[in-house]
Protein backbone atom coordinates (compact mmCIF):
# COMPACT_ATOMS: atom_id res chain seq x y z
CA MET A 1 0.03 -0.13 0.28
CA GLU A 2 1.34 3.33 -0.97
CA THR A 3 2.24 5.89 1.78
CA LYS A 4 0.91 9.55 1.56
CA SER A 5 4.69 10.89 0.56
CA GLU A 6 4.64 8.44 -2.32
CA PHE A 7 1.14 9.96 -3.35
CA MET A 8 2.77 13.44 -3.46
CA GLU A 9 5.86 12.41 -5.20
CA GLN A 10 3.29 12.09 -8.49
CA GLN A 11 3.56 14.60 -10.98
CA GLN A 12 1.06 17.54 -10.34
CA MET A 13 -0.98 19.92 -12.21
CA PHE A 14 -3.21 22.67 -10.73
CA GLY A 15 -2.78 20.86 -7.58
CA HIS A 16 -4.10 17.68 -8.55
CA PRO A 17 -1.96 14.45 -9.85
CA LYS A 18 -1.28 14.92 -13.64
CA GLY A 19 -2.69 11.52 -14.36
CA LEU A 20 -6.22 12.98 -13.44
CA PHE A 21 -5.95 14.92 -16.86
CA TYR A 22 -5.07 12.45 -18.86
CA LEU A 23 -8.07 10.30 -17.53
CA PHE A 24 -9.91 13.35 -18.09
CA PHE A 25 -9.41 13.73 -21.93
CA ALA A 26 -9.64 9.94 -22.41
CA GLU A 27 -12.84 9.83 -20.81
CA LEU A 28 -14.00 12.91 -22.55
CA TRP A 29 -13.39 11.57 -25.74
CA GLU A 30 -14.90 8.02 -24.63
CA ARG A 31 -18.13 10.04 -23.61
CA PHE A 32 -17.95 11.71 -26.89
CA SER A 33 -18.09 8.64 -28.92
CA PHE A 34 -20.80 7.09 -26.82
CA TYR A 35 -23.04 10.11 -26.89
CA GLY A 36 -22.67 10.90 -30.72
CA MET A 37 -23.49 7.38 -31.54
CA ARG A 38 -26.34 7.44 -28.96
CA ALA A 39 -27.79 10.78 -30.40
CA LEU A 40 -27.90 9.23 -33.94
CA LEU A 41 -29.04 5.44 -32.83
CA THR A 42 -32.99 6.02 -32.74
CA LEU A 43 -33.14 8.23 -35.99
CA TYR A 44 -30.80 5.44 -37.79
CA MET A 45 -32.94 2.84 -36.82
CA VAL A 46 -36.33 4.46 -37.74
CA ASP A 47 -35.12 6.06 -41.10
CA VAL A 48 -32.75 3.17 -42.51
CA ILE A 49 -32.72 -0.37 -40.30
CA PHE A 50 -36.51 -0.76 -39.67
CA ALA A 51 -37.71 1.95 -42.64
CA ALA A 52 -39.74 -0.65 -44.34
CA LEU A 53 -41.70 -1.75 -41.19
CA ALA A 54 -45.06 -0.19 -40.35
CA GLU A 55 -44.13 -1.11 -37.01
CA ARG A 56 -40.55 0.42 -37.11
CA ASP A 57 -40.93 2.30 -34.12
CA PHE A 58 -41.80 -0.56 -31.91
CA ALA A 59 -38.66 -2.30 -33.44
CA THR A 60 -36.62 0.67 -32.66
CA ALA A 61 -37.74 0.75 -28.86
CA ALA A 62 -37.09 -3.07 -28.44
CA VAL A 63 -33.65 -2.88 -29.79
CA TYR A 64 -32.76 0.83 -27.99
CA ALA A 65 -33.91 -1.07 -24.57
CA SER A 66 -31.80 -3.90 -25.13
CA TYR A 67 -28.91 -2.18 -26.03
CA GLY A 68 -29.25 0.39 -23.29
CA SER A 69 -29.74 -2.47 -20.56
CA LEU A 70 -26.75 -4.73 -21.77
CA VAL A 71 -24.47 -1.84 -22.13
CA TYR A 72 -24.96 -1.14 -18.37
CA ALA A 73 -25.30 -4.74 -17.50
CA SER A 74 -21.74 -5.27 -18.92
CA THR A 75 -20.13 -2.93 -16.79
CA VAL A 76 -20.80 -5.28 -13.67
CA ILE A 77 -19.03 -8.31 -15.53
CA GLY A 78 -16.31 -6.12 -16.85
CA GLY A 79 -15.84 -4.70 -13.47
CA ARG A 80 -15.21 -7.83 -12.10
CA ILE A 81 -12.95 -9.17 -14.59
CA SER A 82 -10.74 -6.38 -14.44
CA ASP A 83 -10.67 -6.74 -10.38
CA THR A 84 -9.34 -10.29 -10.29
CA ILE A 85 -7.67 -11.08 -13.42
CA LEU A 86 -6.67 -7.92 -16.29
CA GLY A 87 -6.42 -4.92 -13.89
CA MET A 88 -7.60 -1.28 -15.08
CA ARG A 89 -5.04 -0.45 -17.53
CA ASN A 90 -5.49 -3.81 -19.51
CA SER A 91 -9.27 -3.52 -19.24
CA ILE A 92 -9.51 0.12 -20.35
CA PHE A 93 -7.18 -0.71 -23.69
CA LEU A 94 -9.44 -4.03 -24.44
CA GLY A 95 -12.59 -2.18 -23.74
CA GLY A 96 -11.62 0.80 -26.00
CA ILE A 97 -10.40 -1.07 -28.75
CA LEU A 98 -13.57 -2.96 -29.00
CA MET A 99 -15.71 0.07 -28.98
CA SER A 100 -13.67 1.89 -31.53
CA ILE A 101 -14.26 -1.39 -33.91
CA GLY A 102 -17.91 -0.90 -33.03
CA HIS A 103 -18.29 2.41 -33.96
CA PHE A 104 -16.61 1.97 -37.18
CA VAL A 105 -18.37 -0.89 -38.09
CA LEU A 106 -21.89 1.20 -37.49
CA ALA A 107 -20.36 3.00 -40.64
CA ILE A 108 -21.17 -0.20 -42.56
CA GLU A 109 -24.61 -0.11 -44.30
CA ASN A 110 -25.74 -3.68 -43.28
CA ASP A 111 -28.34 -5.10 -41.01
CA MET A 112 -26.23 -7.88 -39.27
CA ALA A 113 -23.13 -5.21 -39.02
CA PHE A 114 -25.37 -3.00 -37.43
CA TYR A 115 -26.33 -5.57 -34.41
CA LEU A 116 -22.59 -6.62 -34.33
CA ALA A 117 -21.37 -3.02 -33.70
CA LEU A 118 -23.84 -2.35 -31.17
CA SER A 119 -22.68 -5.84 -29.46
CA LEU A 120 -18.79 -4.76 -29.77
CA ILE A 121 -19.73 -1.40 -28.03
CA ILE A 122 -21.62 -2.99 -25.29
CA VAL A 123 -18.92 -5.40 -24.73
CA GLY A 124 -16.16 -2.79 -24.93
CA ASN A 125 -17.96 -0.30 -22.59
CA GLY A 126 -18.44 -3.13 -20.28
CA PHE A 127 -14.46 -3.22 -19.66
CA PHE A 128 -14.00 0.74 -20.05
CA LYS A 129 -16.55 2.66 -18.34
CA PRO A 130 -16.27 0.96 -14.88
CA ASN A 131 -12.51 1.00 -14.85
CA ILE A 132 -11.61 4.47 -15.89
CA SER A 133 -13.88 6.00 -13.25
CA THR A 134 -12.32 3.75 -10.61
CA PHE A 135 -8.69 4.49 -11.79
CA VAL A 136 -9.31 8.27 -10.84
CA GLY A 137 -9.64 7.14 -7.21
CA THR A 138 -6.62 5.48 -7.24
CA LEU A 139 -4.71 8.60 -7.80
CA TYR A 140 -5.65 10.08 -4.43
CA PRO A 141 -4.57 9.20 -0.73
CA PRO A 142 -7.17 8.06 1.40
CA GLY A 143 -8.90 11.01 3.17
CA ASP A 144 -7.37 13.18 0.51
CA SER A 145 -9.83 16.27 0.51
CA LYS A 146 -8.80 16.87 -3.10
CA LYS A 147 -10.56 13.69 -4.25
CA ASP A 148 -14.07 14.99 -4.55
CA SER A 149 -12.80 17.99 -6.67
CA GLY A 150 -10.56 15.66 -8.76
CA PHE A 151 -14.14 13.89 -9.44
CA THR A 152 -15.76 17.03 -10.28
CA ILE A 153 -13.15 17.65 -12.80
CA PHE A 154 -13.45 14.34 -14.23
CA TYR A 155 -17.12 14.40 -14.45
CA MET A 156 -17.00 17.74 -16.24
CA GLY A 157 -15.20 15.80 -19.12
CA ILE A 158 -18.07 13.38 -19.41
CA ASN A 159 -20.73 16.12 -19.74
CA ILE A 160 -18.28 18.20 -22.16
CA GLY A 161 -18.09 15.04 -24.42
CA GLY A 162 -21.85 14.49 -23.88
CA TRP A 163 -22.62 18.21 -24.99
CA VAL A 164 -20.23 18.36 -27.65
CA ALA A 165 -20.54 15.13 -29.44
CA PRO A 166 -24.41 15.24 -30.39
CA LEU A 167 -23.78 18.66 -31.90
CA LEU A 168 -20.85 17.58 -34.09
CA CYS A 169 -22.13 13.81 -35.15
CA GLY A 170 -25.56 15.26 -35.38
CA TRP A 171 -24.31 17.90 -37.86
CA LEU A 172 -22.20 15.41 -40.15
CA ALA A 173 -25.05 12.86 -40.05
CA PHE A 174 -27.65 15.42 -41.21
CA GLU A 175 -25.18 17.10 -43.83
CA TYR A 176 -22.96 14.31 -45.35
CA GLY A 177 -24.84 10.83 -43.93
CA TRP A 178 -25.30 8.84 -41.29
CA HIS A 179 -21.88 7.07 -41.53
CA TYR A 180 -19.95 10.13 -41.19
CA GLY A 181 -21.56 10.96 -38.02
CA PHE A 182 -20.88 7.45 -36.84
CA GLY A 183 -17.15 7.52 -37.90
CA LEU A 184 -16.59 10.64 -36.30
CA ALA A 185 -17.41 9.05 -33.14
CA GLY A 186 -15.37 6.05 -33.49
CA ILE A 187 -12.51 8.68 -34.31
CA GLY A 188 -13.30 10.05 -30.78
CA MET A 189 -12.85 6.82 -29.18
CA LEU A 190 -9.49 6.21 -30.78
CA THR A 191 -8.53 9.92 -29.71
CA GLY A 192 -9.35 8.86 -25.91
CA LEU A 193 -7.25 5.43 -26.33
CA ILE A 194 -4.50 7.80 -27.44
CA PHE A 195 -4.49 9.93 -24.46
CA PHE A 196 -4.74 7.19 -22.19
CA TRP A 197 -1.81 5.54 -24.00
CA SER A 198 0.59 8.91 -23.72
CA GLY A 199 -0.39 8.81 -20.09
CA ILE A 200 1.44 5.45 -19.47
CA LYS A 201 4.13 6.53 -21.74
CA LYS A 202 4.85 9.30 -19.64
CA ASN A 203 4.61 7.33 -16.60
CA VAL A 204 1.93 9.75 -14.93
CA PHE A 205 0.09 6.86 -13.59
CA GLY A 206 3.13 5.21 -12.03
CA ASP A 207 2.34 1.57 -11.04
CA ARG A 208 -1.61 2.12 -10.72
CA GLY A 209 -4.00 0.00 -12.73
CA LEU A 210 -1.70 -3.04 -13.54
CA PRO A 211 -3.32 -6.50 -13.11
CA PRO A 212 -3.42 -8.04 -9.54
CA ASN A 213 -0.37 -9.98 -10.02
CA ASP A 214 1.24 -11.61 -13.29
CA GLU A 215 0.52 -15.05 -11.92
CA VAL A 216 -3.21 -14.54 -12.56
CA LEU A 217 -2.53 -13.46 -16.03
CA GLU A 218 -0.08 -16.32 -16.80
CA LYS A 219 -2.52 -19.00 -15.14
CA LYS A 220 -3.99 -21.22 -17.75
CA VAL A 221 -7.71 -21.99 -18.21
CA MET A 222 -8.50 -24.81 -21.10
CA GLY A 223 -5.08 -24.55 -22.02
CA ILE A 224 -4.92 -20.70 -22.67
CA LYS A 225 -3.52 -18.05 -20.31
CA GLN A 226 -6.26 -15.86 -18.79
CA GLY A 227 -4.58 -12.90 -20.19
CA ILE A 228 -5.48 -13.83 -23.50
CA LEU A 229 -8.68 -15.81 -22.73
CA VAL A 230 -10.38 -12.60 -21.59
CA PRO A 231 -10.19 -10.77 -25.03
CA VAL A 232 -10.88 -13.98 -26.97
CA LEU A 233 -14.07 -14.63 -24.87
CA ALA A 234 -15.09 -10.94 -25.40
CA VAL A 235 -14.86 -11.03 -28.86
CA ILE A 236 -16.74 -14.48 -29.02
CA ALA A 237 -19.36 -12.62 -26.90
CA ALA A 238 -19.97 -9.98 -29.60
CA PRO A 239 -21.87 -12.25 -32.04
CA VAL A 240 -24.09 -13.90 -29.22
CA ILE A 241 -25.24 -10.24 -27.91
CA ALA A 242 -25.44 -9.28 -31.67
CA PHE A 243 -28.00 -12.18 -31.78
CA LEU A 244 -29.82 -10.80 -28.61
CA LEU A 245 -30.18 -7.69 -30.05
CA SER A 246 -31.82 -9.21 -33.41
CA ALA A 247 -34.35 -11.17 -31.37
CA TYR A 248 -36.48 -8.11 -30.83
CA LYS A 249 -39.54 -9.45 -31.58
CA ALA A 250 -41.99 -10.78 -28.94
CA LEU A 251 -41.65 -14.68 -27.79
CA GLY A 252 -45.02 -15.37 -27.66
CA ALA A 253 -48.37 -14.66 -29.19
CA GLU A 254 -50.77 -11.90 -28.22
CA GLY A 255 -52.74 -12.61 -25.15
CA THR A 256 -50.07 -14.65 -23.45
CA PHE A 257 -47.61 -13.60 -20.86
CA PHE A 258 -45.11 -13.37 -23.63
CA GLU A 259 -46.67 -11.34 -25.99
CA ASP A 260 -44.62 -8.18 -25.17
CA GLN A 261 -41.38 -9.95 -23.88
CA ASN A 262 -38.53 -10.82 -25.90
CA ILE A 263 -35.45 -12.66 -24.83
CA VAL A 264 -33.53 -9.56 -23.49
CA ASN A 265 -36.65 -8.60 -21.13
CA VAL A 266 -36.73 -11.89 -19.76
CA ILE A 267 -32.91 -12.24 -18.94
CA PHE A 268 -33.69 -9.09 -17.11
CA LYS A 269 -36.92 -10.39 -15.37
CA LEU A 270 -34.85 -13.42 -14.27
CA ILE A 271 -32.00 -11.28 -13.18
CA GLY A 272 -34.44 -8.93 -11.32
CA ILE A 273 -36.16 -11.67 -9.37
CA SER A 274 -32.87 -13.52 -8.50
CA ILE A 275 -31.27 -9.89 -7.22
CA LEU A 276 -34.65 -9.18 -4.70
CA ALA A 277 -34.34 -13.01 -3.68
CA TYR A 278 -30.67 -12.48 -2.72
CA LEU A 279 -31.60 -9.24 -0.94
CA GLY A 280 -34.45 -10.73 1.09
CA TYR A 281 -31.76 -13.47 2.43
CA ILE A 282 -29.24 -10.72 3.02
CA MET A 283 -31.88 -8.83 5.01
CA PHE A 284 -33.08 -11.97 6.85
CA LYS A 285 -29.71 -12.49 8.25
CA ALA A 286 -28.84 -8.94 8.78
CA THR A 287 -28.87 -7.14 12.27
CA LEU A 288 -31.90 -4.65 12.60
CA ASP A 289 -29.69 -1.58 12.09
CA GLU A 290 -28.12 -3.03 8.96
CA ARG A 291 -31.72 -4.16 8.05
CA LYS A 292 -32.89 -0.45 8.14
CA LYS A 293 -30.19 0.69 6.04
CA LEU A 294 -30.52 -1.72 3.56
CA PHE A 295 -33.78 -1.17 3.21
CA VAL A 296 -33.23 2.62 2.37
CA ALA A 297 -30.30 1.47 -0.02
CA VAL A 298 -32.77 -0.40 -2.09
CA LEU A 299 -35.41 2.31 -1.98
CA ILE A 300 -32.68 4.57 -3.21
CA THR A 301 -31.83 2.25 -6.05
CA PHE A 302 -35.37 1.58 -6.96
CA PHE A 303 -36.37 5.17 -7.42
CA MET A 304 -33.28 6.45 -9.00
CA THR A 305 -34.20 3.47 -11.50
CA ILE A 306 -37.73 5.00 -12.04
CA PHE A 307 -35.72 8.51 -12.68
CA TRP A 308 -33.43 7.07 -15.05
CA GLY A 309 -35.96 5.25 -16.78
CA PHE A 310 -37.54 8.64 -17.67
CA HIS A 311 -34.53 10.73 -18.31
CA GLU A 312 -33.10 8.05 -20.59
CA LEU A 313 -36.21 8.75 -22.94
CA SER A 314 -34.24 11.55 -24.20
CA GLY A 315 -32.43 9.15 -26.75
CA SER A 316 -35.47 7.48 -27.58
CA VAL A 317 -38.85 8.98 -27.93
CA ILE A 318 -37.83 12.65 -26.84
CA THR A 319 -35.51 12.54 -30.13
CA LEU A 320 -38.42 11.31 -32.33
CA PHE A 321 -40.67 13.79 -30.68
CA ALA A 322 -38.07 16.37 -31.67
CA ALA A 323 -37.90 15.06 -35.17
CA ARG A 324 -41.84 15.02 -35.61
CA ASN A 325 -43.09 17.62 -33.64
CA VAL A 326 -40.81 20.56 -32.48
CA GLU A 327 -40.10 23.60 -34.59
CA LEU A 328 -36.36 23.27 -34.30
CA THR A 329 -33.96 25.93 -34.54
CA LEU A 330 -30.34 26.15 -34.67
CA MET A 331 -30.18 22.27 -34.32
CA SER A 332 -31.40 19.07 -35.50
CA ALA A 333 -33.42 16.50 -33.48
CA ALA A 334 -29.99 14.00 -33.01
CA GLN A 335 -28.38 17.54 -31.90
CA THR A 336 -31.23 18.14 -29.30
CA ASN A 337 -29.37 15.30 -27.30
CA SER A 338 -26.32 17.83 -26.42
CA LEU A 339 -29.09 19.85 -24.39
CA ASN A 340 -29.38 17.93 -20.97
CA SER A 341 -25.40 17.73 -20.85
CA MET A 342 -25.28 21.52 -21.73
CA PHE A 343 -27.49 22.32 -18.64
CA ILE A 344 -25.59 19.85 -16.43
CA ILE A 345 -22.44 21.97 -17.08
CA ILE A 346 -23.97 25.20 -16.51
CA LEU A 347 -25.97 24.25 -13.48
CA ALA A 348 -23.80 22.04 -11.82
CA ILE A 349 -21.42 24.50 -9.96
CA PRO A 350 -24.49 26.88 -9.04
CA ILE A 351 -26.44 24.01 -7.46
CA SER A 352 -23.27 22.66 -5.59
CA LEU A 353 -22.89 26.16 -4.10
CA MET A 354 -26.24 25.98 -3.10
CA TRP A 355 -26.14 23.17 -1.18
CA THR A 356 -22.78 24.23 0.36
CA TYR A 357 -24.74 27.46 1.53
CA LEU A 358 -27.53 25.47 2.80
CA SER A 359 -25.09 23.05 4.92
CA LYS A 360 -23.60 26.51 6.47
CA LYS A 361 -27.11 27.33 7.69
CA ASN A 362 -27.97 23.63 8.67
CA LEU A 363 -30.55 23.54 6.07
CA ASN A 364 -29.06 21.12 3.26
CA PRO A 365 -31.77 18.79 2.77
CA ARG A 366 -31.04 14.98 3.83
CA THR A 367 -30.77 12.58 0.84
CA PRO A 368 -34.64 11.30 0.71
CA TYR A 369 -35.99 14.88 0.43
CA LYS A 370 -33.33 15.29 -2.60
CA PHE A 371 -34.38 12.37 -4.13
CA GLY A 372 -38.15 13.22 -3.92
CA LEU A 373 -37.42 16.67 -5.07
CA GLY A 374 -35.72 14.87 -8.03
CA LEU A 375 -38.74 13.21 -8.97
CA VAL A 376 -40.95 16.27 -8.68
CA PHE A 377 -38.68 18.08 -11.19
CA ALA A 378 -38.75 15.10 -13.74
CA GLY A 379 -42.72 15.00 -13.34
CA ILE A 380 -42.73 18.74 -13.82
CA SER A 381 -40.34 18.75 -17.15
CA PHE A 382 -42.45 16.18 -18.48
CA TYR A 383 -45.69 18.51 -18.08
CA ALA A 384 -43.76 21.13 -19.82
CA LEU A 385 -43.79 18.79 -22.86
CA ALA A 386 -47.33 17.51 -22.35
CA LEU A 387 -48.37 21.33 -22.29
CA SER A 388 -46.92 21.99 -25.72
CA ALA A 389 -49.71 20.67 -27.39
CA GLY A 390 -51.64 23.97 -26.58
CA SER A 391 -48.87 26.00 -28.51
CA ALA A 392 -48.99 24.03 -31.59
CA ASN A 393 -48.85 25.50 -35.06
CA ASP A 394 -50.85 24.85 -38.20
CA SER A 395 -48.24 21.69 -38.90
CA GLY A 396 -48.47 20.49 -35.55
CA LEU A 397 -45.20 21.69 -34.21
CA VAL A 398 -44.44 23.28 -30.99
CA PRO A 399 -42.14 25.71 -30.00
CA PHE A 400 -38.29 24.62 -29.52
CA SER A 401 -38.60 26.80 -25.94
CA TYR A 402 -40.71 23.58 -24.58
CA LEU A 403 -37.86 21.17 -25.23
CA LEU A 404 -35.43 23.65 -23.57
CA LEU A 405 -37.58 23.91 -20.51
CA MET A 406 -38.11 20.30 -20.31
CA TYR A 407 -34.26 19.72 -20.62
CA PHE A 408 -33.60 22.37 -17.85
CA LEU A 409 -35.82 20.91 -15.43
CA LEU A 410 -34.61 17.27 -15.99
CA SER A 411 -31.26 18.20 -15.65
CA ILE A 412 -32.10 20.22 -12.10
CA GLY A 413 -33.63 16.64 -11.07
CA GLU A 414 -30.68 14.77 -11.93
CA LEU A 415 -28.09 17.05 -10.08
CA PHE A 416 -30.47 16.70 -7.07
CA MET A 417 -30.21 12.98 -7.59
CA SER A 418 -27.59 11.32 -9.16
CA PRO A 419 -24.45 12.88 -7.41
CA VAL A 420 -25.46 11.61 -4.10
CA GLY A 421 -26.95 8.35 -4.68
CA LEU A 422 -23.53 6.56 -5.15
CA SER A 423 -22.04 7.76 -2.23
CA LYS A 424 -25.11 6.82 0.04
CA ILE A 425 -25.11 3.38 -1.13
CA THR A 426 -21.42 2.85 -0.11
CA ASP A 427 -22.47 4.32 3.39
CA LEU A 428 -25.86 2.48 3.93
CA SER A 429 -24.53 -1.03 2.85
CA PRO A 430 -22.99 -3.86 5.18
CA LYS A 431 -19.38 -3.86 4.44
CA ARG A 432 -19.45 -7.37 3.21
CA ILE A 433 -21.79 -6.47 0.47
CA VAL A 434 -20.73 -3.08 -0.56
CA ALA A 435 -19.44 -4.31 -3.81
CA PHE A 436 -22.96 -6.13 -4.33
CA MET A 437 -24.97 -3.21 -3.65
CA MET A 438 -22.85 -0.92 -6.08
CA GLY A 439 -23.31 -3.87 -8.53
CA VAL A 440 -26.76 -3.45 -7.82
CA TRP A 441 -26.81 0.46 -8.14
CA PHE A 442 -25.06 0.22 -11.61
CA LEU A 443 -27.57 -2.51 -12.82
CA SER A 444 -30.48 0.17 -11.92
CA SER A 445 -29.45 2.05 -15.12
CA ALA A 446 -29.99 -1.32 -17.15
CA PHE A 447 -33.16 -1.87 -15.69
CA ALA A 448 -34.33 1.77 -16.50
CA PHE A 449 -33.58 0.79 -20.08
CA GLN A 450 -36.36 -1.67 -19.63
CA VAL A 451 -38.57 1.36 -18.54
CA VAL A 452 -37.53 2.92 -21.84
CA GLY A 453 -38.45 -0.03 -23.99
CA PHE A 454 -42.02 -0.19 -22.48
CA ILE A 455 -42.73 3.32 -22.60
CA GLY A 456 -41.12 3.52 -26.14
CA LYS A 457 -43.10 0.48 -27.34
CA GLN A 458 -46.45 2.34 -25.91
CA LEU A 459 -45.80 5.31 -27.74
CA ALA A 460 -44.81 3.64 -30.96
CA ILE A 461 -46.27 5.38 -34.31
CA GLU A 462 -47.25 2.72 -37.03
CA SER A 463 -46.40 4.10 -40.23
CA THR A 464 -43.94 3.46 -43.00
CA ASP A 465 -43.96 7.08 -44.01
CA LYS A 466 -40.27 8.53 -43.06
CA ASN A 467 -41.95 12.24 -43.04
CA VAL A 468 -44.70 11.24 -40.43
CA GLY A 469 -45.30 13.66 -37.87
CA GLY A 470 -47.38 16.89 -37.34
CA PHE A 471 -50.87 16.35 -35.85
CA GLU A 472 -50.59 12.60 -37.08
CA THR A 473 -48.15 11.93 -33.94
CA LEU A 474 -48.27 15.03 -31.87
CA THR A 475 -51.16 13.79 -29.18
CA VAL A 476 -49.64 10.11 -29.22
CA TYR A 477 -46.54 11.91 -27.67
CA THR A 478 -47.94 14.51 -25.64
CA ASP A 479 -50.81 12.24 -23.74
CA GLY A 480 -47.96 10.15 -23.08
CA PHE A 481 -45.87 12.92 -21.61
CA GLU A 482 -48.53 13.74 -19.45
CA LEU A 483 -48.91 10.32 -18.25
CA ILE A 484 -45.01 10.08 -17.65
CA ALA A 485 -45.55 13.33 -15.48
CA LYS A 486 -48.12 11.83 -13.19
CA TYR A 487 -46.22 8.74 -12.65
CA ALA A 488 -43.03 10.98 -11.90
CA LEU A 489 -44.92 13.47 -9.57
CA GLY A 490 -46.79 10.57 -7.95
CA ALA A 491 -43.55 8.88 -7.14
CA GLY A 492 -41.57 11.94 -6.04
CA ILE A 493 -44.60 12.93 -3.60
CA ILE A 494 -44.51 9.55 -1.96
CA VAL A 495 -40.94 9.96 -1.44
CA LEU A 496 -41.21 13.58 0.18
CA LEU A 497 -44.12 12.11 2.35
CA ALA A 498 -42.16 9.29 3.43
CA SER A 499 -38.86 11.08 3.84
CA PRO A 500 -39.12 11.69 7.71
CA LEU A 501 -39.52 7.91 8.12
CA ILE A 502 -36.27 6.91 5.82
CA LYS A 503 -34.48 9.57 7.22
CA ARG A 504 -34.99 7.82 10.87
CA LEU A 505 -34.14 4.28 9.14
CA MET A 506 -30.98 5.92 7.68
CA GLY A 507 -29.62 6.73 11.28
CA ARG A 508 -26.65 9.14 11.12
CA VAL A 509 -26.05 8.64 7.43
CA HIS A 510 -27.03 12.21 5.95
């Protein structure tokens, strides 16, 4: 274990370890690639992959939900393999290379190439995403007060990538063709890997992120060294996942349980039941105090899943709404995906300063109140979109200002919930299962995409007309947004009313 003096010997920049800034740019470009591709994905499926289908919106919603669920679930597996076999550096390189290949394969206009590309991005993200965030934490000694500001700088990189990517990739796709947009996303991923590699070459990371030990890498399984076997299995996994994505149709006939369930839906239902059963077993074995806190951790995860389920509609239903029913100015429908990150960048510091000010006055609300308010803001944001129908013009297009207002309010809700959730999971979980609970927390985003898929299917427009929109689609979307608003507001009010009880269950955890 490193001493504080050894940490201090790291190369410094602006009072932080120099390695932070290499990770900052690596993550910025990785998120550039991820969000650039995501901004185009739904529109590309509707306009190209499923263009000939009357149920193209339904098919798009199903594939988008499966992709989102698997991309977040993969981080749990990738993180575990990194901890036990590869180490963070090898995992980041493996993940980055697979994601780069995936983005470039998207530039091939072929249906099977499309599914294979998404599967490569899923597998690659599983190795890359959990490890680069963890890497930041290794740069600071335990208890270092600069660690929080280091993560703030790092997360700013995520949002800069999420803001700029849809603007540039969306512009290229609109002006020159889809595959130029996807190609730029691939170049972004390669750029991120080059930054990471240059940091290693300049030794800014010291000996951090190496495999647990060389013996583990050299250990043979089925006659193959684990260090080689893992990348081989990762590549083999890609066509299997491609098959799961392509099998988006329902497994059963109408009127049966499986009438709206594809293979991925069933897999996640089984995972959900297994997790709940194991949590029940843990609670049965736990002490009363542990049980109370664990119950709150599960509640927080559940409400975060609901929030992300509505939030992640931005890449699917809301993008289609923008394309078909919003009088866009200065940007295309794909580019509207940049608005959330833009508002996060604008609002992050003011809201952080607001919490600091309230803390000094002993008025900083406890976590349950922040979660309740976050859901209320989400509800109000969707009500703004629902109300936009009353301002539609003769073509059935609503003013762009409604979409701006919606993203502004949703971003406030995100900043109330997301930054505090992860830290509270670690505080509330018994030490012996904290890693498992962190996995459950990350899986909440995967389950959120199941919510996205369900809503996307309910609001699917049946039409082969590429230019469908106006009054033909307006009320389908706005009525749907009103229903989402009611659910989000209802959940927020329930959390706020239950907050005094939840606060007592949390004990001294703030």
